[in-house]
Amino acid sequence: MALLVGVGLFGAAQDVRTHPQYVTIALAGAIALLPKPARGLSRLLDRIRGASRRTRAVTTVGVFVFAAAYLRYAAWLGGREFYPCFHDEFMYLVQARMMAEGHLWLPQHPLADFFDAFFVIVRPVYASSYFPGTAMAYVPGVWLGVAPWVTAWVVTSLAVAMLYRVMAELIDGVAGLLAAGLALSLEDVRIAAFMTMSHMVMLLLLLLAVAA
């Protein structure tokens, strides 16, 4: 029941000024009190809990597709702009472009005085001020010529899918779906989903490490 309520909340929470979530909660509560729907839902949850490894693998792909669609829809509802805004994003993009060409740094620019910034190193070389781990995740996007937000979008969707998979292995399939849904409900996740930042990359790497 909590999963259904959560999915309803995700779909209803279009902005902070309206609160149709309360209608969703009331409807979910009413459905839960009806014996026949409650028994059917209980049987469905039992099937999800006892899913085979193959079914979990297929569900992982389904969660990835759903997460990608939901994140894009939420971004559209929120009027998000799909371009870099924070200095860290520009730093990672500079670093990713360097690494895509096989460089960790480039020679100092002859006009370095006009390129000085706190998030890049301009002397004695031109390079990012951070270690290259995060930028490596964005290199494939540079090779493919896609916009940076597309790479971030894919990384975040993969992280949500892996969250389902890890929780399904540790507990059961219902816990996995609930964890994925809760992740998508977080405003910070929806915002970071289209930013060239380290947060979703680290989450994905940590979940892959746990899965391994």
Protein backbone atom coordinates (compact mmCIF):
# COMPACT_ATOMS: atom_id res chain seq x y z
CA MET A 1 0.00 0.00 0.00
CA ALA A 2 2.86 2.35 0.82
CA LEU A 3 4.22 1.82 -2.69
CA LEU A 4 0.92 2.80 -4.30
CA VAL A 5 0.62 5.85 -2.09
CA GLY A 6 4.16 6.84 -2.96
CA VAL A 7 3.59 6.50 -6.70
CA GLY A 8 0.45 8.60 -6.35
CA LEU A 9 2.34 11.27 -4.47
CA PHE A 10 5.06 11.42 -7.13
CA GLY A 11 2.51 11.93 -9.88
CA ALA A 12 0.43 14.46 -7.97
CA ALA A 13 3.17 16.72 -6.58
CA GLN A 14 3.48 19.08 -9.54
CA ASP A 15 4.53 22.11 -7.52
CA VAL A 16 4.63 23.36 -3.94
CA ARG A 17 1.60 25.64 -4.30
CA THR A 18 -0.98 22.89 -4.75
CA HIS A 19 -1.43 19.77 -2.67
CA PRO A 20 -3.53 17.17 -4.50
CA GLN A 21 -1.52 14.53 -2.62
CA TYR A 22 -4.14 14.55 0.12
CA VAL A 23 -6.75 13.34 -2.36
CA THR A 24 -4.41 10.53 -3.38
CA ILE A 25 -3.85 9.52 0.24
CA ALA A 26 -7.59 9.48 0.91
CA LEU A 27 -8.28 7.34 -2.18
CA ALA A 28 -5.47 4.94 -1.31
CA GLY A 29 -6.79 4.60 2.24
CA ALA A 30 -10.29 3.92 0.99
CA ILE A 31 -9.06 1.24 -1.43
CA ALA A 32 -7.04 -0.40 1.36
CA LEU A 33 -10.21 -0.75 3.46
CA LEU A 34 -12.02 -2.70 0.75
CA PRO A 35 -11.50 -6.46 1.29
CA LYS A 36 -11.31 -7.57 -2.34
CA PRO A 37 -8.81 -4.95 -3.59
CA ALA A 38 -6.75 -5.40 -0.42
CA ARG A 39 -6.51 -9.17 -0.95
CA GLY A 40 -5.57 -8.69 -4.59
CA LEU A 41 -2.92 -6.16 -3.67
CA SER A 42 -1.57 -8.49 -1.00
CA ARG A 43 -1.23 -11.32 -3.53
CA LEU A 44 0.49 -8.97 -6.00
CA LEU A 45 2.99 -7.85 -3.35
CA ASP A 46 3.68 -11.48 -2.42
CA ARG A 47 4.46 -12.24 -6.07
CA ILE A 48 6.81 -9.25 -6.25
CA ARG A 49 8.55 -10.34 -3.06
CA GLY A 50 9.11 -13.84 -4.38
CA ALA A 51 10.26 -12.84 -7.87
CA SER A 52 13.01 -14.89 -9.49
CA ARG A 53 16.45 -13.49 -10.30
CA ARG A 54 15.50 -13.27 -13.97
CA THR A 55 12.35 -11.33 -13.10
CA ARG A 56 14.39 -8.97 -10.94
CA ALA A 57 16.80 -8.40 -13.81
CA VAL A 58 13.90 -7.54 -16.14
CA THR A 59 12.37 -5.32 -13.45
CA THR A 60 15.70 -3.51 -13.09
CA VAL A 61 15.48 -2.57 -16.77
CA GLY A 62 11.87 -1.50 -16.26
CA VAL A 63 12.82 0.68 -13.30
CA PHE A 64 15.54 2.31 -15.41
CA VAL A 65 13.04 3.15 -18.17
CA PHE A 66 10.45 4.42 -15.70
CA ALA A 67 13.01 6.51 -13.82
CA ALA A 68 14.27 8.08 -17.04
CA ALA A 69 10.73 8.92 -18.16
CA TYR A 70 9.69 10.27 -14.77
CA LEU A 71 12.79 12.41 -14.32
CA ARG A 72 12.33 13.95 -17.78
CA TYR A 73 8.64 14.56 -17.10
CA ALA A 74 9.37 16.13 -13.71
CA ALA A 75 11.99 18.38 -15.31
CA TRP A 76 9.45 19.48 -17.91
CA LEU A 77 6.85 20.22 -15.22
CA GLY A 78 9.39 22.21 -13.23
CA GLY A 79 10.51 24.26 -16.21
CA ARG A 80 14.11 23.14 -15.86
CA GLU A 81 16.78 24.59 -18.14
CA PHE A 82 19.13 21.98 -19.58
CA TYR A 83 22.43 23.80 -19.53
CA PRO A 84 25.30 24.10 -17.00
CA CYS A 85 24.79 26.69 -14.25
CA PHE A 86 27.30 25.89 -11.48
CA HIS A 87 31.06 26.33 -11.64
CA ASP A 88 31.61 22.66 -10.79
CA GLU A 89 29.66 21.69 -13.90
CA PHE A 90 31.92 23.76 -16.16
CA MET A 91 34.97 22.32 -14.41
CA TYR A 92 33.85 18.72 -14.98
CA LEU A 93 32.97 19.48 -18.60
CA VAL A 94 36.39 20.99 -19.26
CA GLN A 95 38.01 17.97 -17.62
CA ALA A 96 35.82 15.50 -19.53
CA ARG A 97 36.71 17.10 -22.86
CA MET A 98 40.40 16.92 -21.98
CA MET A 99 40.13 13.26 -21.00
CA ALA A 100 38.13 12.45 -24.13
CA GLU A 101 41.22 13.49 -26.07
CA GLY A 102 43.57 11.58 -23.76
CA HIS A 103 44.79 14.45 -21.58
CA LEU A 104 44.65 15.10 -17.85
CA TRP A 105 45.90 18.65 -18.43
CA LEU A 106 46.87 20.99 -21.23
CA PRO A 107 49.75 23.47 -21.53
CA GLN A 108 49.34 26.81 -19.86
CA HIS A 109 47.46 29.23 -22.08
CA PRO A 110 49.55 32.17 -23.30
CA LEU A 111 46.84 34.48 -21.93
CA ALA A 112 46.43 32.65 -18.62
CA ASP A 113 45.84 35.92 -16.76
CA PHE A 114 42.50 36.22 -18.54
CA PHE A 115 41.46 32.62 -17.82
CA ASP A 116 42.11 32.61 -14.08
CA ALA A 117 39.31 30.98 -12.05
CA PHE A 118 39.05 29.21 -8.71
CA PHE A 119 37.70 25.96 -10.19
CA VAL A 120 40.43 25.40 -12.76
CA ILE A 121 44.22 25.49 -12.58
CA VAL A 122 45.83 27.88 -15.06
CA ARG A 123 49.49 27.69 -13.94
CA PRO A 124 51.75 25.88 -14.71
CA VAL A 125 49.18 23.92 -16.73
CA TYR A 126 45.52 24.30 -17.64
CA ALA A 127 43.53 21.64 -15.77
CA SER A 128 40.60 20.96 -13.49
CA SER A 129 41.09 21.51 -9.77
CA TYR A 130 39.42 18.16 -8.92
CA PHE A 131 40.50 14.56 -9.34
CA PRO A 132 39.36 13.00 -12.64
CA GLY A 133 36.97 10.35 -11.32
CA THR A 134 33.67 12.13 -11.99
CA ALA A 135 34.78 13.50 -15.36
CA MET A 136 35.47 9.95 -16.56
CA ALA A 137 31.75 9.20 -16.33
CA TYR A 138 31.01 12.03 -18.76
CA VAL A 139 33.68 11.12 -21.32
CA PRO A 140 31.40 8.68 -23.23
CA GLY A 141 28.93 11.53 -23.68
CA VAL A 142 31.67 13.69 -25.16
CA TRP A 143 32.64 10.88 -27.54
CA LEU A 144 29.01 10.44 -28.61
CA GLY A 145 28.50 14.17 -29.00
CA VAL A 146 25.41 14.30 -26.76
CA ALA A 147 24.50 17.19 -24.49
CA PRO A 148 25.94 16.94 -20.93
CA TRP A 149 22.47 16.68 -19.37
CA VAL A 150 21.82 13.48 -21.33
CA THR A 151 24.79 11.74 -19.70
CA ALA A 152 23.70 12.96 -16.25
CA TRP A 153 20.15 11.77 -16.97
CA VAL A 154 21.34 8.29 -17.91
CA VAL A 155 23.64 8.07 -14.87
CA THR A 156 20.82 9.03 -12.50
CA SER A 157 18.37 6.59 -14.08
CA LEU A 158 20.97 3.82 -13.76
CA ALA A 159 21.51 4.75 -10.09
CA VAL A 160 17.77 4.45 -9.37
CA ALA A 161 17.65 1.10 -11.17
CA MET A 162 20.64 -0.18 -9.20
CA LEU A 163 19.03 1.01 -5.97
CA TYR A 164 16.06 -1.22 -6.78
CA ARG A 165 18.34 -4.15 -7.58
CA VAL A 166 20.43 -3.85 -4.42
CA MET A 167 17.41 -3.51 -2.13
CA ALA A 168 15.64 -6.37 -3.91
CA GLU A 169 18.64 -8.61 -3.25
CA LEU A 170 19.08 -7.46 0.35
CA ILE A 171 15.39 -7.53 1.35
CA ASP A 172 12.82 -8.25 -1.38
CA GLY A 173 11.30 -6.86 -4.55
CA VAL A 174 8.74 -4.69 -2.76
CA ALA A 175 11.49 -3.01 -0.76
CA GLY A 176 13.40 -2.47 -3.99
CA LEU A 177 10.49 -0.76 -5.73
CA LEU A 178 9.75 1.33 -2.66
CA ALA A 179 13.40 2.43 -2.40
CA ALA A 180 13.46 3.42 -6.08
CA GLY A 181 10.23 5.34 -5.69
CA LEU A 182 11.47 7.14 -2.61
CA ALA A 183 14.65 8.11 -4.46
CA LEU A 184 12.61 9.63 -7.27
CA SER A 185 10.54 11.55 -4.73
CA LEU A 186 13.61 13.44 -3.50
CA GLU A 187 13.84 16.94 -4.93
CA ASP A 188 17.64 16.89 -4.75
CA VAL A 189 17.75 13.75 -6.90
CA ARG A 190 15.44 15.27 -9.51
CA ILE A 191 17.56 18.42 -9.63
CA ALA A 192 20.92 16.62 -9.77
CA ALA A 193 19.57 14.29 -12.46
CA PHE A 194 20.39 16.83 -15.18
CA MET A 195 23.50 18.43 -13.70
CA THR A 196 27.10 17.57 -14.55
CA MET A 197 27.99 16.82 -10.93
CA SER A 198 29.53 14.02 -8.89
CA HIS A 199 26.56 13.12 -6.67
CA MET A 200 24.74 10.68 -8.94
CA VAL A 201 27.99 9.25 -10.28
CA MET A 202 29.13 8.42 -6.74
CA LEU A 203 25.73 6.95 -5.87
CA LEU A 204 25.87 4.69 -8.92
CA LEU A 205 29.44 3.58 -8.18
CA LEU A 206 28.61 2.81 -4.52
CA LEU A 207 25.55 0.76 -5.51
CA LEU A 208 27.57 -1.14 -8.12
CA ALA A 209 30.19 -1.87 -5.45
CA VAL A 210 27.50 -3.22 -3.09
CA ALA A 211 25.99 -5.30 -5.90
CA ALA A 212 29.40 -6.73 -6.75
